[in-house]
Protein backbone atom coordinates (compact mmCIF):
# COMPACT_ATOMS: atom_id res chain seq x y z
CA MET A 1 -11.06 15.54 13.63
CA THR A 2 -14.76 15.47 14.35
CA THR A 3 -15.28 11.75 13.78
CA ASP A 4 -13.45 8.60 14.83
CA THR A 5 -15.42 5.73 13.41
CA ALA A 6 -14.61 2.27 12.10
CA VAL A 7 -16.87 1.38 9.19
CA PHE A 8 -17.41 -1.87 7.32
CA THR A 9 -19.89 -2.07 4.45
CA ASN A 10 -20.29 -4.31 1.42
CA ALA A 11 -18.43 -1.69 -0.66
CA TYR A 12 -15.68 -0.33 1.60
CA ALA A 13 -14.10 -0.43 5.05
CA VAL A 14 -12.44 2.27 7.15
CA ILE A 15 -9.99 1.26 9.88
CA PRO A 16 -9.12 4.31 12.02
CA ARG A 17 -5.65 4.79 13.44
CA THR A 18 -7.06 4.43 16.97
CA VAL A 19 -8.17 0.86 16.23
CA MET A 20 -4.59 -0.29 15.64
CA ARG A 21 -3.67 -1.17 19.20
CA ASP A 22 -1.86 -4.02 20.92
CA ILE A 23 -4.97 -6.19 21.12
CA VAL A 24 -5.15 -6.56 17.31
CA THR A 25 -1.47 -7.29 16.63
CA SER A 26 -0.23 -10.65 15.44
CA TYR A 27 3.08 -12.39 14.76
CA LEU A 28 4.54 -14.51 11.97
CA PRO A 29 6.69 -17.65 12.05
CA GLY A 30 10.25 -17.13 10.85
CA TRP A 31 10.45 -13.53 12.11
CA GLN A 32 12.30 -12.10 15.10
CA GLY A 33 11.33 -8.98 17.05
CA MET A 34 8.30 -8.42 14.86
CA ARG A 35 4.61 -7.72 15.26
CA PHE A 36 2.12 -6.62 12.63
CA TRP A 37 -1.35 -5.26 12.02
CA MET A 38 -3.27 -6.86 9.15
CA LEU A 39 -5.15 -4.11 7.33
CA ALA A 40 -6.44 -6.08 4.35
CA ARG A 41 -6.75 -9.70 3.28
CA PRO A 42 -8.71 -11.38 0.50
CA LEU A 43 -12.40 -11.78 1.36
CA SER A 44 -14.80 -13.45 -1.05
CA GLY A 45 -17.26 -10.88 -2.36
CA PHE A 46 -15.15 -7.94 -1.15
CA ALA A 47 -11.54 -7.08 -2.10
CA GLU A 48 -9.87 -10.29 -3.25
CA THR A 49 -6.46 -9.60 -4.79
CA PHE A 50 -4.06 -8.58 -2.01
CA SER A 51 -3.08 -8.39 1.63
CA GLN A 52 -1.56 -5.36 3.34
CA TYR A 53 0.22 -5.24 6.70
CA ILE A 54 1.78 -2.62 8.94
CA VAL A 55 4.95 -4.20 10.32
CA GLU A 56 6.82 -3.02 13.42
CA LEU A 57 10.33 -4.34 14.05
CA ALA A 58 12.26 -4.07 17.31
CA GLU A 59 15.94 -3.16 17.15
CA GLY A 60 17.67 -5.94 15.21
CA GLY A 61 14.34 -7.55 14.29
CA GLY A 62 13.59 -9.02 10.89
CA SER A 63 13.56 -12.25 8.91
CA ASP A 64 15.80 -14.29 6.62
CA ALA A 65 12.74 -15.99 5.09
CA PRO A 66 9.82 -13.54 5.12
CA ASP A 67 7.49 -15.70 2.99
CA ASP A 68 7.80 -19.28 1.74
CA ASP A 69 5.29 -19.06 -1.15
CA PRO A 70 7.22 -18.78 -4.46
CA GLN A 71 4.18 -17.39 -6.33
CA ILE A 72 3.84 -14.30 -4.12
CA GLN A 73 5.28 -10.91 -5.08
CA HIS A 74 6.00 -8.37 -2.39
CA ALA A 75 6.32 -4.62 -1.95
CA ILE A 76 7.41 -2.69 1.13
CA PHE A 77 7.36 1.02 1.98
CA VAL A 78 9.42 2.20 4.94
CA THR A 79 7.73 4.60 7.34
CA GLY A 80 10.32 4.69 10.15
CA GLY A 81 13.91 3.72 10.83
CA ASP A 82 16.69 2.29 8.65
CA MET A 83 15.77 -0.95 6.94
CA GLN A 84 18.33 -3.34 5.48
CA VAL A 85 16.75 -5.23 2.59
CA ILE A 86 18.71 -7.93 0.75
CA ILE A 87 17.09 -8.95 -2.55
CA ASP A 88 18.62 -11.89 -4.42
CA GLY A 89 21.94 -11.29 -2.64
CA THR A 90 22.10 -7.51 -3.23
CA GLU A 91 21.98 -5.36 -0.10
CA HIS A 92 20.05 -2.08 0.11
CA LEU A 93 19.45 0.37 2.96
CA LEU A 94 16.03 2.01 2.91
CA THR A 95 15.11 5.02 5.02
CA PRO A 96 11.61 6.55 5.48
CA GLY A 97 10.10 6.92 2.02
CA GLY A 98 12.07 3.92 0.75
CA PHE A 99 10.27 1.43 -1.48
CA ALA A 100 11.22 -2.07 -2.58
CA TYR A 101 9.48 -4.45 -4.97
CA ILE A 102 10.42 -8.13 -4.78
CA PRO A 103 9.35 -10.36 -7.71
CA PRO A 104 7.82 -13.79 -7.03
CA GLY A 105 10.31 -16.57 -6.36
CA THR A 106 13.07 -14.11 -5.41
CA PRO A 107 14.90 -14.70 -2.11
CA TRP A 108 14.92 -11.68 0.18
CA ARG A 109 15.71 -10.71 3.73
CA VAL A 110 14.86 -7.72 5.87
CA ARG A 111 16.41 -6.41 9.10
CA ASN A 112 15.97 -3.30 11.26
CA ARG A 113 19.33 -1.53 11.52
CA THR A 114 18.00 1.31 13.70
CA ALA A 115 18.84 1.90 17.35
CA GLY A 116 15.17 1.52 18.23
CA PRO A 117 11.97 0.37 16.51
CA ALA A 118 11.34 0.68 12.77
CA GLY A 119 8.31 0.12 10.59
CA PHE A 120 7.08 -0.50 7.08
CA HIS A 121 4.03 -1.38 5.01
CA TRP A 122 4.04 -4.77 3.32
CA TRP A 123 1.86 -5.77 0.35
CA ARG A 124 1.52 -9.36 -0.85
CA LYS A 125 -0.17 -10.45 -4.08
CA ARG A 126 -0.07 -13.64 -6.12
CA TRP A 127 1.57 -12.70 -9.42
CA GLN A 128 -0.51 -13.49 -12.50
CA PRO A 129 1.63 -14.61 -15.47
CA ALA A 130 0.51 -13.41 -18.89
CA VAL A 131 1.44 -14.33 -22.45
CA GLY A 132 4.56 -12.48 -23.56
CA THR A 133 5.52 -11.24 -20.10
CA ASP A 134 8.37 -12.30 -17.82
CA ARG A 135 8.67 -11.76 -14.09
CA PRO A 136 9.26 -8.09 -13.25
CA ASP A 137 12.69 -6.98 -12.06
CA PRO A 138 13.29 -5.89 -8.47
CA ILE A 139 12.76 -2.19 -7.74
CA VAL A 140 14.51 -0.25 -4.96
CA VAL A 141 13.92 3.52 -4.84
CA GLN A 142 13.29 6.41 -2.48
CA GLU A 143 10.05 8.33 -2.88
CA GLN A 144 11.97 11.58 -2.50
CA ASP A 145 13.92 10.85 -5.72
CA ILE A 146 10.83 10.43 -7.94
CA ALA A 147 9.12 13.43 -9.52
CA PRO A 148 5.32 13.15 -9.10
CA SER A 149 3.18 12.90 -12.22
CA MET A 150 0.58 15.65 -12.11
CA MET A 151 -3.00 14.84 -13.05
CA PRO A 152 -4.25 16.89 -16.00
CA ASP A 153 -6.59 19.83 -15.48
CA THR A 154 -5.87 20.07 -11.73
CA ASP A 155 -3.51 23.08 -11.77
CA GLY A 156 -0.85 21.02 -9.98
CA ALA A 157 -3.08 20.22 -6.99
CA TRP A 158 -3.15 16.42 -7.54
CA GLY A 159 -0.02 14.38 -8.16
CA THR A 160 0.99 10.71 -8.12
CA THR A 161 4.42 9.31 -7.27
CA ARG A 162 4.69 6.05 -9.22
CA PHE A 163 7.01 3.27 -8.06
CA MET A 164 6.20 0.99 -11.04
CA ASP A 165 6.30 2.09 -14.68
CA PRO A 166 2.65 2.16 -15.86
CA ALA A 167 3.80 1.01 -19.32
CA ASP A 168 5.53 -2.11 -17.92
CA LEU A 169 2.91 -4.82 -18.41
CA ARG A 170 4.90 -7.33 -16.40
CA HIS A 171 3.37 -5.69 -13.34
CA ASP A 172 -0.13 -6.71 -12.27
CA MET A 173 -0.25 -4.29 -9.34
CA HIS A 174 0.79 -0.70 -8.77
CA ILE A 175 1.84 0.99 -5.53
CA THR A 176 1.87 4.80 -5.55
CA VAL A 177 1.87 7.81 -3.24
CA VAL A 178 -0.98 10.20 -4.04
CA THR A 179 -0.62 13.85 -2.96
CA PHE A 180 -3.17 16.65 -2.86
CA LYS A 181 -2.39 20.24 -2.06
CA PRO A 182 -4.81 21.94 0.38
CA GLY A 183 -8.06 22.44 -1.47
CA GLY A 184 -7.20 19.79 -4.07
CA SER A 185 -9.83 17.22 -4.91
CA ILE A 186 -10.92 14.29 -7.00
CA PRO A 187 -13.70 16.25 -8.69
CA PHE A 188 -15.75 13.25 -9.81
CA ALA A 189 -16.78 9.89 -8.39
CA GLU A 190 -14.17 7.41 -9.63
CA THR A 191 -15.85 4.08 -10.35
CA HIS A 192 -13.64 1.30 -11.70
CA VAL A 193 -12.68 -2.35 -11.46
CA MET A 194 -9.48 -1.79 -9.45
CA GLU A 195 -9.46 -2.69 -5.77
CA HIS A 196 -7.76 -0.23 -3.45
CA GLY A 197 -5.94 -0.05 -0.17
CA LEU A 198 -5.39 3.58 0.92
CA PHE A 199 -3.28 4.42 3.98
CA VAL A 200 -3.14 8.09 4.98
CA LEU A 201 0.45 9.24 5.51
CA GLU A 202 -0.15 12.94 6.10
CA GLY A 203 -2.88 15.55 6.28
CA LYS A 204 -6.65 15.51 6.52
CA ALA A 205 -9.45 15.14 4.00
CA VAL A 206 -13.04 14.18 3.58
CA TYR A 207 -13.20 11.07 1.41
CA ARG A 208 -16.29 9.91 -0.44
CA LEU A 209 -16.77 6.13 -0.27
CA ASN A 210 -19.80 4.85 -2.11
CA ARG A 211 -22.52 7.28 -0.87
CA ASP A 212 -20.79 8.39 2.34
CA TRP A 213 -18.36 11.19 3.15
CA ILE A 214 -15.80 10.10 5.77
CA GLU A 215 -13.30 12.36 7.54
CA VAL A 216 -9.81 10.76 7.53
CA GLY A 217 -6.38 11.68 8.83
CA PRO A 218 -2.87 10.26 9.38
CA GLY A 219 -2.82 6.54 10.17
CA ASP A 220 -6.33 5.83 8.89
CA PHE A 221 -6.83 3.05 6.31
CA MET A 222 -9.49 2.72 3.61
CA TRP A 223 -10.17 -0.56 1.85
CA LEU A 224 -12.28 -0.48 -1.34
CA ARG A 225 -13.75 -3.31 -3.35
CA ALA A 226 -14.07 -3.09 -7.13
CA PHE A 227 -16.44 -0.42 -8.49
CA CYS A 228 -16.87 1.41 -5.16
CA PRO A 229 -17.33 5.11 -6.09
CA GLN A 230 -14.70 7.37 -4.53
CA ALA A 231 -13.75 11.03 -4.44
CA CYS A 232 -12.04 13.34 -1.95
CA TYR A 233 -11.43 16.91 -0.88
CA ALA A 234 -8.18 17.82 0.90
CA GLY A 235 -9.01 20.15 3.76
CA GLY A 236 -5.53 21.40 4.67
CA PRO A 237 -3.79 23.20 6.20
CA GLY A 238 -1.01 20.98 4.77
CA PRO A 239 -0.81 18.40 1.96
CA PHE A 240 -2.94 15.27 2.04
CA ARG A 241 -0.88 12.17 1.15
CA TYR A 242 -1.70 8.48 1.06
CA LEU A 243 -0.27 5.14 -0.06
CA LEU A 244 -2.38 3.51 -2.77
CA TYR A 245 -2.58 -0.10 -3.98
CA LYS A 246 -4.44 -1.17 -7.11
CA ASP A 247 -4.54 -4.26 -9.34
CA VAL A 248 -3.88 -3.67 -13.06
CA ASN A 249 -2.96 -5.11 -16.46
CA ARG A 250 -4.64 -8.52 -16.42
CA HIS A 251 -7.77 -10.24 -17.71
CA ALA A 252 -10.58 -10.65 -15.22
CA PRO A 253 -10.62 -14.27 -14.01
CA LEU A 254 -13.81 -15.99 -15.16
CA TRP A 255 -13.59 -19.11 -13.02
CA PRO A 256 -12.88 -19.38 -9.29
CA ASN A 257 -9.22 -19.76 -8.31
CA ARG A 258 -7.95 -19.27 -11.85
């Protein structure tokens, strides 16, 4: 890496891995043995639809009531350790690469069952009801069991592992894992209404954000507001992989707080 720079603009933010230290951790009521780093939260005029945390749990740490807002939907992606997740009374054990989606109003619990610390990403978004749609069902899967969908005209260099079915309009957000082989790229400047949170899991790349090219690597986070142009080139020598959030499938709100 030749750069190590935190950036905040009116179009995007970059939070390097080195910024995520003890001095910026926080804690939540109702949790035991837990600390977290807040990567994204709604900001008026910036990205407004979601929050994203990195959560670290000590051995035995967790919560029987992670969130008391019945309108919030949740998704978690396990990055370390064995995570017991109980959703509406059904128990699941997630290992690294494990993903769980919890619909709004659904009771859930989470506990670290590892002899040592464990960690996961946690997304929160207020679910937007829509005519003809019910609440989504819970989802519990392992990334390793999902075949990536390859982007057309990329010769297999750009693939997306989808945790939600894109045709399921009950969902108003998607979480995916995007993978580029060395030398793979987004060969055009994507410009769209979706907001993004991108957390680099593996590999290195140069990522275009608005008019800037930023060098990123494992543990770095990129936060994009709507319509921020983006592109990337995966430098190798191994794959470049990142977690991606985006909001989908709903009308644009035309009045504040509606």
